[in-house]
Amino acid sequence: LLATSVFGLLRPALLYAQETDLRGEVSESAILADQ
């Protein structure tokens, strides 16, 4: 449980993907470049 919590805190983009129809992995640099 502790490892899962740490992993969720370190990888927020995965949660964003879960809530915005993106269930794949997207890099943070790609997000900044697109914005």
All heavy atoms as atom14 arrays in JSON, in Angstrom:
{
  "sequence": "LLATSVFGLLRPALLYAQETDLRGEVSESAILADQ",
  "atom14_mask": [
    [1, 1, 1, 1, 1, 1, 1, 1, 0, 0, 0, 0, 0, 0],
    [1, 1, 1, 1, 1, 1, 1, 1, 0, 0, 0, 0, 0, 0],
    [1, 1, 1, 1, 1, 0, 0, 0, 0, 0, 0, 0, 0, 0],
    [1, 1, 1, 1, 1, 1, 1, 0, 0, 0, 0, 0, 0, 0],
    [1, 1, 1, 1, 1, 1, 0, 0, 0, 0, 0, 0, 0, 0],
    [1, 1, 1, 1, 1, 1, 1, 0, 0, 0, 0, 0, 0, 0],
    [1, 1, 1, 1, 1, 1, 1, 1, 1, 1, 1, 0, 0, 0],
    [1, 1, 1, 1, 0, 0, 0, 0, 0, 0, 0, 0, 0, 0],
    [1, 1, 1, 1, 1, 1, 1, 1, 0, 0, 0, 0, 0, 0],
    [1, 1, 1, 1, 1, 1, 1, 1, 0, 0, 0, 0, 0, 0],
    [1, 1, 1, 1, 1, 1, 1, 1, 1, 1, 1, 0, 0, 0],
    [1, 1, 1, 1, 1, 1, 1, 0, 0, 0, 0, 0, 0, 0],
    [1, 1, 1, 1, 1, 0, 0, 0, 0, 0, 0, 0, 0, 0],
    [1, 1, 1, 1, 1, 1, 1, 1, 0, 0, 0, 0, 0, 0],
    [1, 1, 1, 1, 1, 1, 1, 1, 0, 0, 0, 0, 0, 0],
    [1, 1, 1, 1, 1, 1, 1, 1, 1, 1, 1, 1, 0, 0],
    [1, 1, 1, 1, 1, 0, 0, 0, 0, 0, 0, 0, 0, 0],
    [1, 1, 1, 1, 1, 1, 1, 1, 1, 0, 0, 0, 0, 0],
    [1, 1, 1, 1, 1, 1, 1, 1, 1, 0, 0, 0, 0, 0],
    [1, 1, 1, 1, 1, 1, 1, 0, 0, 0, 0, 0, 0, 0],
    [1, 1, 1, 1, 1, 1, 1, 1, 0, 0, 0, 0, 0, 0],
    [1, 1, 1, 1, 1, 1, 1, 1, 0, 0, 0, 0, 0, 0],
    [1, 1, 1, 1, 1, 1, 1, 1, 1, 1, 1, 0, 0, 0],
    [1, 1, 1, 1, 0, 0, 0, 0, 0, 0, 0, 0, 0, 0],
    [1, 1, 1, 1, 1, 1, 1, 1, 1, 0, 0, 0, 0, 0],
    [1, 1, 1, 1, 1, 1, 1, 0, 0, 0, 0, 0, 0, 0],
    [1, 1, 1, 1, 1, 1, 0, 0, 0, 0, 0, 0, 0, 0],
    [1, 1, 1, 1, 1, 1, 1, 1, 1, 0, 0, 0, 0, 0],
    [1, 1, 1, 1, 1, 1, 0, 0, 0, 0, 0, 0, 0, 0],
    [1, 1, 1, 1, 1, 0, 0, 0, 0, 0, 0, 0, 0, 0],
    [1, 1, 1, 1, 1, 1, 1, 1, 0, 0, 0, 0, 0, 0],
    [1, 1, 1, 1, 1, 1, 1, 1, 0, 0, 0, 0, 0, 0],
    [1, 1, 1, 1, 1, 0, 0, 0, 0, 0, 0, 0, 0, 0],
    [1, 1, 1, 1, 1, 1, 1, 1, 0, 0, 0, 0, 0, 0],
    [1, 1, 1, 1, 1, 1, 1, 1, 1, 0, 0, 0, 0, 0]
  ],
  "atom14_positions": [
    [[0.82, -1.22, 0.0], [0.0, 0.0, 0.0], [0.85, 1.25, 0.0], [0.56, 2.24, -0.69], [-0.94, -0.01, 1.21], [-2.05, -1.06, 1.21], [-2.84, -1.04, 2.53], [-2.98, -0.84, 0.03], [0.0, 0.0, 0.0], [0.0, 0.0, 0.0], [0.0, 0.0, 0.0], [0.0, 0.0, 0.0], [0.0, 0.0, 0.0], [0.0, 0.0, 0.0]],
    [[1.95, 1.2, 0.8], [2.85, 2.37, 0.85], [3.5, 2.6, -0.51], [3.62, 3.74, -0.99], [3.92, 2.14, 1.93], [4.93, 3.29, 2.09], [4.21, 4.58, 2.47], [5.96, 2.91, 3.18], [0.0, 0.0, 0.0], [0.0, 0.0, 0.0], [0.0, 0.0, 0.0], [0.0, 0.0, 0.0], [0.0, 0.0, 0.0], [0.0, 0.0, 0.0]],
    [[3.93, 1.51, -1.15], [4.57, 1.65, -2.47], [3.59, 2.2, -3.51], [3.95, 3.03, -4.37], [5.11, 0.29, -2.91], [0.0, 0.0, 0.0], [0.0, 0.0, 0.0], [0.0, 0.0, 0.0], [0.0, 0.0, 0.0], [0.0, 0.0, 0.0], [0.0, 0.0, 0.0], [0.0, 0.0, 0.0], [0.0, 0.0, 0.0], [0.0, 0.0, 0.0]],
    [[2.35, 1.72, -3.42], [1.34, 2.23, -4.37], [1.09, 3.71, -4.18], [0.95, 4.47, -5.15], [0.03, 1.45, -4.17], [0.27, 0.06, -4.35], [-1.03, 1.93, -5.17], [0.0, 0.0, 0.0], [0.0, 0.0, 0.0], [0.0, 0.0, 0.0], [0.0, 0.0, 0.0], [0.0, 0.0, 0.0], [0.0, 0.0, 0.0], [0.0, 0.0, 0.0]],
    [[1.04, 4.15, -2.92], [0.82, 5.59, -2.66], [1.96, 6.43, -3.19], [1.77, 7.48, -3.8], [0.63, 5.81, -1.15], [-0.47, 5.09, -0.67], [0.0, 0.0, 0.0], [0.0, 0.0, 0.0], [0.0, 0.0, 0.0], [0.0, 0.0, 0.0], [0.0, 0.0, 0.0], [0.0, 0.0, 0.0], [0.0, 0.0, 0.0], [0.0, 0.0, 0.0]],
    [[3.2, 5.97, -2.91], [4.36, 6.71, -3.41], [4.37, 6.76, -4.94], [4.67, 7.78, -5.56], [5.65, 6.06, -2.87], [6.87, 6.71, -3.52], [5.7, 6.22, -1.36], [0.0, 0.0, 0.0], [0.0, 0.0, 0.0], [0.0, 0.0, 0.0], [0.0, 0.0, 0.0], [0.0, 0.0, 0.0], [0.0, 0.0, 0.0], [0.0, 0.0, 0.0]],
    [[4.03, 5.64, -5.55], [4.01, 5.6, -7.02], [2.97, 6.56, -7.6], [3.19, 7.23, -8.59], [3.69, 4.16, -7.47], [3.66, 4.02, -8.97], [4.83, 3.91, -9.69], [2.44, 4.02, -9.67], [4.81, 3.79, -11.07], [2.42, 3.88, -11.03], [3.6, 3.77, -11.75], [0.0, 0.0, 0.0], [0.0, 0.0, 0.0], [0.0, 0.0, 0.0]],
    [[1.8, 6.66, -6.93], [0.76, 7.58, -7.4], [1.18, 9.03, -7.25], [0.86, 9.87, -8.09], [0.0, 0.0, 0.0], [0.0, 0.0, 0.0], [0.0, 0.0, 0.0], [0.0, 0.0, 0.0], [0.0, 0.0, 0.0], [0.0, 0.0, 0.0], [0.0, 0.0, 0.0], [0.0, 0.0, 0.0], [0.0, 0.0, 0.0], [0.0, 0.0, 0.0]],
    [[1.93, 9.32, -6.13], [2.38, 10.71, -5.96], [3.45, 11.09, -6.97], [3.52, 12.23, -7.43], [2.9, 10.91, -4.53], [1.84, 10.82, -3.41], [2.51, 10.91, -2.04], [0.82, 11.91, -3.56], [0.0, 0.0, 0.0], [0.0, 0.0, 0.0], [0.0, 0.0, 0.0], [0.0, 0.0, 0.0], [0.0, 0.0, 0.0], [0.0, 0.0, 0.0]],
    [[4.3, 10.15, -7.27], [5.39, 10.45, -8.2], [4.92, 10.48, -9.65], [5.57, 11.06, -10.52], [6.5, 9.39, -8.05], [7.24, 9.42, -6.71], [8.27, 8.31, -6.65], [7.92, 10.78, -6.49], [0.0, 0.0, 0.0], [0.0, 0.0, 0.0], [0.0, 0.0, 0.0], [0.0, 0.0, 0.0], [0.0, 0.0, 0.0], [0.0, 0.0, 0.0]],
    [[3.83, 9.9, -10.05], [3.35, 9.82, -11.45], [1.94, 10.43, -11.57], [0.97, 9.73, -11.76], [3.35, 8.36, -11.94], [4.68, 7.65, -11.84], [5.73, 8.37, -12.71], [5.35, 8.37, -14.1], [5.67, 7.39, -14.94], [6.41, 6.39, -14.53], [5.28, 7.44, -16.2], [0.0, 0.0, 0.0], [0.0, 0.0, 0.0], [0.0, 0.0, 0.0]],
    [[1.79, 11.78, -11.48], [0.44, 12.38, -11.55], [-0.16, 12.31, -12.95], [-1.37, 12.31, -13.12], [0.68, 13.83, -11.16], [2.12, 14.09, -11.51], [2.84, 12.79, -11.26], [0.0, 0.0, 0.0], [0.0, 0.0, 0.0], [0.0, 0.0, 0.0], [0.0, 0.0, 0.0], [0.0, 0.0, 0.0], [0.0, 0.0, 0.0], [0.0, 0.0, 0.0]],
    [[0.71, 12.27, -13.95], [0.17, 12.26, -15.32], [-0.69, 11.05, -15.58], [-1.63, 11.09, -16.36], [1.33, 12.3, -16.32], [0.0, 0.0, 0.0], [0.0, 0.0, 0.0], [0.0, 0.0, 0.0], [0.0, 0.0, 0.0], [0.0, 0.0, 0.0], [0.0, 0.0, 0.0], [0.0, 0.0, 0.0], [0.0, 0.0, 0.0], [0.0, 0.0, 0.0]],
    [[-0.35, 9.93, -14.87], [-1.16, 8.74, -15.07], [-2.57, 8.95, -14.57], [-3.54, 8.5, -15.17], [-0.48, 7.55, -14.36], [-1.19, 6.2, -14.48], [-1.31, 5.81, -15.94], [-0.42, 5.15, -13.69], [0.0, 0.0, 0.0], [0.0, 0.0, 0.0], [0.0, 0.0, 0.0], [0.0, 0.0, 0.0], [0.0, 0.0, 0.0], [0.0, 0.0, 0.0]],
    [[-2.7, 9.68, -13.42], [-4.03, 9.95, -12.9], [-4.8, 10.89, -13.82], [-5.99, 10.74, -14.04], [-3.92, 10.54, -11.49], [-3.26, 9.63, -10.45], [-3.19, 10.36, -9.11], [-4.06, 8.34, -10.3], [0.0, 0.0, 0.0], [0.0, 0.0, 0.0], [0.0, 0.0, 0.0], [0.0, 0.0, 0.0], [0.0, 0.0, 0.0], [0.0, 0.0, 0.0]],
    [[-4.06, 11.89, -14.37], [-4.73, 12.8, -15.32], [-5.28, 12.03, -16.5], [-6.37, 12.27, -16.98], [-3.74, 13.86, -15.81], [-3.29, 14.82, -14.73], [-2.07, 15.48, -14.87], [-4.05, 15.05, -13.61], [-1.65, 16.36, -13.88], [-3.62, 15.91, -12.62], [-2.42, 16.57, -12.74], [-2.01, 17.43, -11.78], [0.0, 0.0, 0.0], [0.0, 0.0, 0.0]],
    [[-4.47, 11.09, -16.95], [-4.9, 10.3, -18.09], [-6.13, 9.5, -17.78], [-7.0, 9.3, -18.6], [-3.77, 9.38, -18.56], [0.0, 0.0, 0.0], [0.0, 0.0, 0.0], [0.0, 0.0, 0.0], [0.0, 0.0, 0.0], [0.0, 0.0, 0.0], [0.0, 0.0, 0.0], [0.0, 0.0, 0.0], [0.0, 0.0, 0.0], [0.0, 0.0, 0.0]],
    [[-6.23, 9.01, -16.49], [-7.38, 8.21, -16.11], [-8.66, 9.04, -16.14], [-9.73, 8.55, -16.45], [-7.17, 7.62, -14.71], [-6.06, 6.6, -14.63], [-6.47, 5.28, -15.22], [-7.64, 5.07, -15.49], [-5.52, 4.39, -15.46], [0.0, 0.0, 0.0], [0.0, 0.0, 0.0], [0.0, 0.0, 0.0], [0.0, 0.0, 0.0], [0.0, 0.0, 0.0]],
    [[-8.54, 10.36, -15.82], [-9.73, 11.2, -15.72], [-10.08, 11.91, -17.03], [-11.11, 12.52, -17.13], [-9.54, 12.24, -14.62], [-9.44, 11.63, -13.22], [-9.28, 12.69, -12.16], [-9.23, 13.87, -12.55], [-9.23, 12.35, -10.99], [0.0, 0.0, 0.0], [0.0, 0.0, 0.0], [0.0, 0.0, 0.0], [0.0, 0.0, 0.0], [0.0, 0.0, 0.0]],
    [[-9.19, 11.9, -18.03], [-9.43, 12.64, -19.28], [-9.34, 11.72, -20.48], [-8.81, 12.09, -21.52], [-8.4, 13.77, -19.41], [-7.1, 13.19, -19.38], [-8.55, 14.78, -18.31], [0.0, 0.0, 0.0], [0.0, 0.0, 0.0], [0.0, 0.0, 0.0], [0.0, 0.0, 0.0], [0.0, 0.0, 0.0], [0.0, 0.0, 0.0], [0.0, 0.0, 0.0]],
    [[-9.8, 10.53, -20.34], [-9.84, 9.57, -21.45], [-8.45, 9.17, -21.92], [-8.3, 8.57, -22.96], [-10.61, 10.12, -22.64], [-12.05, 10.39, -22.27], [-12.5, 9.82, -21.26], [-12.71, 11.17, -22.99], [0.0, 0.0, 0.0], [0.0, 0.0, 0.0], [0.0, 0.0, 0.0], [0.0, 0.0, 0.0], [0.0, 0.0, 0.0], [0.0, 0.0, 0.0]],
    [[-7.35, 9.53, -21.2], [-5.99, 9.15, -21.6], [-5.5, 8.11, -20.59], [-5.09, 8.44, -19.49], [-5.06, 10.37, -21.61], [-5.43, 11.48, -22.6], [-4.46, 12.63, -22.46], [-5.39, 10.94, -24.01], [0.0, 0.0, 0.0], [0.0, 0.0, 0.0], [0.0, 0.0, 0.0], [0.0, 0.0, 0.0], [0.0, 0.0, 0.0], [0.0, 0.0, 0.0]],
    [[-5.54, 6.91, -20.96], [-5.12, 5.84, -20.05], [-3.76, 5.33, -20.42], [-3.32, 4.32, -19.94], [-6.16, 4.71, -20.09], [-7.54, 5.19, -19.62], [-8.49, 4.05, -19.52], [-8.04, 3.07, -18.53], [-8.65, 1.91, -18.29], [-9.7, 1.59, -19.0], [-8.19, 1.07, -17.38], [0.0, 0.0, 0.0], [0.0, 0.0, 0.0], [0.0, 0.0, 0.0]],
    [[-3.07, 6.02, -21.34], [-1.69, 5.7, -21.66], [-0.76, 6.66, -20.97], [-1.15, 7.66, -20.37], [0.0, 0.0, 0.0], [0.0, 0.0, 0.0], [0.0, 0.0, 0.0], [0.0, 0.0, 0.0], [0.0, 0.0, 0.0], [0.0, 0.0, 0.0], [0.0, 0.0, 0.0], [0.0, 0.0, 0.0], [0.0, 0.0, 0.0], [0.0, 0.0, 0.0]],
    [[0.51, 6.44, -21.1], [1.51, 7.26, -20.43], [1.9, 8.42, -21.33], [2.21, 8.23, -22.5], [2.74, 6.4, -20.1], [3.83, 7.2, -19.38], [5.0, 6.32, -19.02], [4.86, 5.11, -19.16], [6.04, 6.87, -18.63], [0.0, 0.0, 0.0], [0.0, 0.0, 0.0], [0.0, 0.0, 0.0], [0.0, 0.0, 0.0], [0.0, 0.0, 0.0]],
    [[1.89, 9.66, -20.78], [2.28, 10.87, -21.5], [3.34, 11.58, -20.68], [3.19, 11.79, -19.49], [1.08, 11.81, -21.7], [1.52, 13.05, -22.44], [-0.02, 11.11, -22.48], [0.0, 0.0, 0.0], [0.0, 0.0, 0.0], [0.0, 0.0, 0.0], [0.0, 0.0, 0.0], [0.0, 0.0, 0.0], [0.0, 0.0, 0.0], [0.0, 0.0, 0.0]],
    [[4.41, 11.98, -21.35], [5.51, 12.64, -20.64], [5.15, 14.06, -20.31], [4.38, 14.71, -21.01], [6.77, 12.59, -21.5], [6.57, 13.34, -22.67], [0.0, 0.0, 0.0], [0.0, 0.0, 0.0], [0.0, 0.0, 0.0], [0.0, 0.0, 0.0], [0.0, 0.0, 0.0], [0.0, 0.0, 0.0], [0.0, 0.0, 0.0], [0.0, 0.0, 0.0]],
    [[5.73, 14.58, -19.23], [5.47, 15.96, -18.82], [6.07, 16.95, -19.8], [5.51, 18.03, -20.04], [6.07, 16.18, -17.42], [5.38, 15.34, -16.34], [6.01, 15.58, -14.98], [6.98, 16.36, -14.92], [5.51, 15.0, -14.03], [0.0, 0.0, 0.0], [0.0, 0.0, 0.0], [0.0, 0.0, 0.0], [0.0, 0.0, 0.0], [0.0, 0.0, 0.0]],
    [[7.19, 16.62, -20.4], [7.8, 17.53, -21.39], [6.89, 17.71, -22.6], [6.79, 18.8, -23.17], [9.15, 16.99, -21.83], [8.99, 15.71, -22.43], [0.0, 0.0, 0.0], [0.0, 0.0, 0.0], [0.0, 0.0, 0.0], [0.0, 0.0, 0.0], [0.0, 0.0, 0.0], [0.0, 0.0, 0.0], [0.0, 0.0, 0.0], [0.0, 0.0, 0.0]],
    [[6.19, 16.65, -23.01], [5.26, 16.76, -24.14], [4.09, 17.66, -23.8], [3.61, 18.43, -24.63], [4.76, 15.37, -24.53], [0.0, 0.0, 0.0], [0.0, 0.0, 0.0], [0.0, 0.0, 0.0], [0.0, 0.0, 0.0], [0.0, 0.0, 0.0], [0.0, 0.0, 0.0], [0.0, 0.0, 0.0], [0.0, 0.0, 0.0], [0.0, 0.0, 0.0]],
    [[3.64, 17.57, -22.51], [2.52, 18.43, -22.09], [2.93, 19.88, -22.13], [2.22, 20.75, -22.65], [2.06, 18.03, -20.67], [1.5, 16.59, -20.7], [1.02, 19.02, -20.15], [1.13, 16.07, -19.33], [0.0, 0.0, 0.0], [0.0, 0.0, 0.0], [0.0, 0.0, 0.0], [0.0, 0.0, 0.0], [0.0, 0.0, 0.0], [0.0, 0.0, 0.0]],
    [[4.12, 20.2, -21.61], [4.59, 21.6, -21.61], [4.8, 22.1, -23.04], [4.47, 23.24, -23.37], [5.89, 21.68, -20.8], [5.75, 21.39, -19.3], [7.11, 21.43, -18.62], [4.8, 22.38, -18.63], [0.0, 0.0, 0.0], [0.0, 0.0, 0.0], [0.0, 0.0, 0.0], [0.0, 0.0, 0.0], [0.0, 0.0, 0.0], [0.0, 0.0, 0.0]],
    [[5.36, 21.29, -23.9], [5.61, 21.71, -25.29], [4.3, 21.98, -26.02], [4.18, 22.94, -26.79], [6.41, 20.62, -26.01], [0.0, 0.0, 0.0], [0.0, 0.0, 0.0], [0.0, 0.0, 0.0], [0.0, 0.0, 0.0], [0.0, 0.0, 0.0], [0.0, 0.0, 0.0], [0.0, 0.0, 0.0], [0.0, 0.0, 0.0], [0.0, 0.0, 0.0]],
    [[3.31, 21.14, -25.8], [2.03, 21.33, -26.47], [1.34, 22.6, -26.0], [0.76, 23.36, -26.79], [1.15, 20.11, -26.21], [-0.18, 20.23, -26.95], [-0.16, 20.02, -28.18], [-1.21, 20.53, -26.31], [0.0, 0.0, 0.0], [0.0, 0.0, 0.0], [0.0, 0.0, 0.0], [0.0, 0.0, 0.0], [0.0, 0.0, 0.0], [0.0, 0.0, 0.0]],
    [[1.41, 22.9, -24.66], [0.8, 24.12, -24.14], [1.47, 25.35, -24.73], [0.83, 26.33, -25.1], [0.87, 24.13, -22.61], [-0.01, 23.07, -21.95], [0.14, 23.07, -20.44], [1.02, 23.75, -19.91], [-0.71, 22.32, -19.76], [0.0, 0.0, 0.0], [0.0, 0.0, 0.0], [0.0, 0.0, 0.0], [0.0, 0.0, 0.0], [0.0, 0.0, 0.0]]
  ]
}
